[in-house]
Amino acid sequence: MSVSADLSGLARIERDRADILEEAARRAELEIRRYVPVAEGTLRASAQIASMFRAGLITWSTPYAAEQYYVPMAHSHPGTCDHWDEAWARERLPEWLDYVGRIYEGRIG
């Protein structure tokens, strides 16, 4: 006699989890964008191309991205700064976490 457990339903949960992570990462990028320095918009736009949202990874990829991020400097556009993800987190993380929680409740719960 054998006992089996059918866990095939977990595949759906994994797909839902990946969908939720992608949606949450895209929302975070959209919100963080206003903190990213802008001259011509290339640095801001690079996140939409270089990021792996489904994996929860947001990447800004230009030859000068690291300098803009790590080197404190006076940015000409109001509200932009270095360490833009940290500035966003200080101001918006609780609201974003609520948003993600609502997504989970709607899809998984």
Protein backbone atom coordinates (compact mmCIF):
# COMPACT_ATOMS: atom_id res chain seq x y z
CA MET A 1 0.00 0.00 0.00
CA SER A 2 1.28 3.48 -0.80
CA VAL A 3 0.23 6.99 0.10
CA SER A 4 0.51 9.85 -2.34
CA ALA A 5 0.08 13.56 -1.98
CA ASP A 6 -0.87 15.54 -5.07
CA LEU A 7 1.00 18.83 -4.93
CA SER A 8 0.42 19.78 -8.55
CA GLY A 9 -1.56 22.78 -7.34
CA LEU A 10 1.70 24.29 -6.12
CA ALA A 11 2.61 25.07 -9.71
CA ARG A 12 -0.28 27.53 -9.81
CA ILE A 13 0.87 29.09 -6.56
CA GLU A 14 4.39 29.46 -7.96
CA ARG A 15 3.02 31.13 -11.11
CA ASP A 16 0.91 33.45 -8.98
CA ARG A 17 3.91 34.24 -6.80
CA ALA A 18 5.99 35.14 -9.86
CA ASP A 19 3.16 37.29 -11.24
CA ILE A 20 2.85 39.10 -7.91
CA LEU A 21 6.61 39.63 -7.64
CA GLU A 22 6.70 41.06 -11.17
CA GLU A 23 3.81 43.40 -10.48
CA ALA A 24 5.34 44.53 -7.17
CA ALA A 25 8.75 45.14 -8.77
CA ARG A 26 7.22 47.11 -11.63
CA ARG A 27 5.29 49.23 -9.14
CA ALA A 28 8.45 49.86 -7.10
CA GLU A 29 10.38 50.90 -10.23
CA LEU A 30 7.60 53.26 -11.21
CA GLU A 31 7.64 54.87 -7.76
CA ILE A 32 11.44 54.98 -7.47
CA ARG A 33 11.77 56.57 -10.91
CA ARG A 34 11.03 60.08 -9.61
CA TYR A 35 14.09 59.90 -7.31
CA VAL A 36 16.47 58.82 -10.11
CA PRO A 37 18.54 61.68 -11.53
CA VAL A 38 17.37 62.87 -14.92
CA ALA A 39 19.16 64.89 -17.56
CA GLU A 40 17.97 63.30 -20.79
CA GLY A 41 16.02 60.46 -19.17
CA THR A 42 18.37 57.65 -20.21
CA LEU A 43 19.23 56.57 -16.65
CA ARG A 44 15.58 56.47 -15.62
CA ALA A 45 14.54 54.60 -18.75
CA SER A 46 17.34 52.03 -18.40
CA ALA A 47 15.50 50.31 -15.54
CA GLN A 48 12.65 49.33 -17.84
CA ILE A 49 15.11 47.58 -20.16
CA ALA A 50 17.73 46.16 -17.78
CA SER A 51 15.49 44.95 -14.95
CA MET A 52 14.30 41.40 -14.40
CA PHE A 53 10.96 42.28 -12.83
CA ARG A 54 9.72 38.69 -12.67
CA ALA A 55 12.72 37.87 -10.48
CA GLY A 56 12.16 40.99 -8.37
CA LEU A 57 15.36 42.66 -9.61
CA ILE A 58 15.41 46.33 -10.61
CA THR A 59 18.57 47.45 -12.40
CA TRP A 60 19.62 50.85 -13.73
CA SER A 61 22.20 50.24 -16.43
CA THR A 62 24.11 53.10 -18.01
CA PRO A 63 27.85 53.80 -18.08
CA TYR A 64 27.30 56.42 -15.37
CA ALA A 65 24.62 54.72 -13.23
CA ALA A 66 27.02 53.69 -10.46
CA GLU A 67 28.54 57.16 -10.22
CA GLN A 68 25.10 58.78 -10.00
CA TYR A 69 24.11 56.26 -7.33
CA TYR A 70 27.22 56.15 -5.13
CA VAL A 71 28.77 59.61 -5.46
CA PRO A 72 26.91 62.36 -3.61
CA MET A 73 26.41 65.31 -5.96
CA ALA A 74 24.07 68.20 -6.48
CA HIS A 75 21.37 67.00 -8.84
CA SER A 76 19.67 69.65 -10.94
CA HIS A 77 16.20 68.09 -11.01
CA PRO A 78 14.15 68.61 -7.81
CA GLY A 79 13.54 65.44 -5.78
CA THR A 80 16.32 63.41 -7.40
CA CYS A 81 19.22 62.08 -5.38
CA ASP A 82 21.89 59.44 -5.05
CA HIS A 83 20.83 56.17 -3.37
CA TRP A 84 17.39 56.69 -4.92
CA ASP A 85 16.01 53.34 -3.76
CA GLU A 86 16.80 54.20 -0.15
CA ALA A 87 15.14 57.61 -0.48
CA TRP A 88 12.05 55.91 -1.92
CA ALA A 89 12.04 53.32 0.89
CA ARG A 90 12.19 56.02 3.57
CA GLU A 91 9.21 57.81 2.06
CA ARG A 92 7.09 55.11 0.43
CA LEU A 93 7.96 51.60 1.67
CA PRO A 94 5.02 51.20 4.10
CA GLU A 95 2.50 52.13 1.39
CA TRP A 96 4.19 49.84 -1.13
CA LEU A 97 4.12 46.94 1.35
CA ASP A 98 0.39 47.54 1.85
CA TYR A 99 -0.05 47.48 -1.93
CA VAL A 100 1.83 44.18 -2.22
CA GLY A 101 -0.19 42.74 0.67
CA ARG A 102 -3.41 43.59 -1.15
CA ILE A 103 -2.13 41.83 -4.26
CA TYR A 104 -1.35 38.69 -2.27
CA GLU A 105 -4.75 38.72 -0.59
CA GLY A 106 -6.48 39.07 -3.93
CA ARG A 107 -4.54 36.35 -5.74
CA ILE A 108 -3.47 33.83 -3.13
CA GLY A 109 -5.92 34.36 -0.30
